Protein backbone atom coordinates (compact mmCIF):
# COMPACT_ATOMS: atom_id res chain seq x y z
CA MET A 1 33.57 -14.29 -5.11
CA ASP A 2 35.65 -17.49 -3.93
CA ILE A 3 36.86 -19.55 -6.78
CA LEU A 4 36.72 -22.48 -5.37
CA ALA A 5 32.77 -24.25 -4.53
CA GLN A 6 31.75 -25.50 -1.02
CA VAL A 7 30.40 -28.71 -0.86
CA ASN A 8 28.27 -29.72 2.23
CA GLU A 9 26.71 -33.85 2.64
CA ILE A 10 24.43 -34.07 5.35
CA ASP A 11 21.61 -36.34 6.32
CA VAL A 12 18.17 -34.73 7.18
CA GLU A 13 15.08 -36.14 9.26
CA ASP A 14 13.48 -32.95 9.57
CA PRO A 15 12.34 -30.23 6.86
CA GLY A 16 13.34 -27.88 5.28
CA GLU A 17 14.92 -25.98 1.80
CA LEU A 18 18.28 -26.17 0.10
CA GLN A 19 19.05 -22.38 0.00
CA GLU A 20 18.53 -20.43 -2.71
CA GLY A 21 22.12 -20.07 -5.10
CA PHE A 22 23.32 -23.67 -4.84
CA LEU A 23 24.81 -24.09 -8.20
CA VAL A 24 24.67 -29.02 -8.31
CA ALA A 25 22.64 -30.84 -5.27
CA SER A 26 21.88 -34.39 -5.49
CA ILE A 27 19.12 -35.70 -2.99
CA LYS A 28 18.68 -39.37 -2.10
CA ASN A 29 15.83 -40.76 -0.05
CA VAL A 30 17.54 -43.99 2.47
CA GLY A 31 15.16 -44.35 4.63
CA LEU A 32 11.93 -46.43 4.30
CA GLU A 33 9.23 -43.74 4.13
CA GLU A 34 8.57 -42.03 0.59
CA ALA A 35 9.61 -38.28 1.22
CA THR A 36 8.56 -35.26 -0.42
CA VAL A 37 11.23 -32.65 -2.89
CA ASN A 38 10.21 -30.06 -4.41
CA GLY A 39 6.16 -31.08 -3.73
CA VAL A 40 7.10 -34.21 -5.94
CA ALA A 41 7.43 -37.85 -4.09
CA LEU A 42 10.83 -39.64 -3.88
CA GLU A 43 10.51 -42.89 -2.88
CA PRO A 44 12.50 -45.00 -0.57
CA GLY A 45 15.83 -45.37 -3.11
CA GLU A 46 15.10 -42.84 -5.28
CA ALA A 47 17.54 -39.65 -6.21
CA LYS A 48 16.82 -36.72 -7.63
CA GLY A 49 20.21 -34.95 -8.82
CA TYR A 50 20.07 -30.79 -9.50
CA PRO A 51 22.62 -30.76 -12.62
CA PHE A 52 24.63 -27.40 -12.92
CA VAL A 53 23.17 -24.87 -15.51
CA GLY A 54 24.95 -22.26 -15.78
CA LYS A 55 23.42 -20.15 -13.02
CA GLY A 56 22.51 -20.93 -9.19
CA TYR A 57 19.24 -22.41 -8.31
CA ARG A 58 15.93 -20.99 -7.05
CA LYS A 59 15.41 -22.62 -2.94
CA ILE A 60 14.06 -26.41 -3.19
CA THR A 61 12.09 -27.57 -0.43
CA TYR A 62 11.72 -31.11 0.94
CA ASP A 63 9.98 -32.96 3.54
CA PRO A 64 11.39 -36.20 4.84
CA ASN A 65 8.17 -37.37 6.16
CA ARG A 66 9.08 -40.15 9.31
CA SER A 67 12.52 -40.75 6.42
CA THR A 68 16.09 -39.83 6.38
CA LEU A 69 17.20 -38.17 2.87
CA ARG A 70 21.36 -37.53 2.15
CA ILE A 71 21.78 -33.95 0.41
CA MET A 72 24.71 -33.28 -1.25
CA GLN A 73 24.94 -29.13 -2.75
CA ILE A 74 27.41 -27.19 -4.06
CA LEU A 75 27.66 -23.57 -3.29
C-alpha cells in the first residue's frame, strides 16, 4: 500500500461513478442544470461531500444531466 494518498480533480459532463474504495470526495455542480449524485438531485451551485470515515466508500454514481460537475476525490 502506498503511504501517500492520490488526489484527483476533474470536471465531468458525462455520467460516471466514483470508483469503489475512495477515501474522501466532494462533488459540486458548477453548471446551469440540475444534476444527480447517488440518486439525489444536486442543484446548480450546490456541493455534496463524502468525508473520511475510517474506511473506503462503495462506488457513487453521478449524472450531470447537461450540466458540469467538479469532482475532487482522494484514493
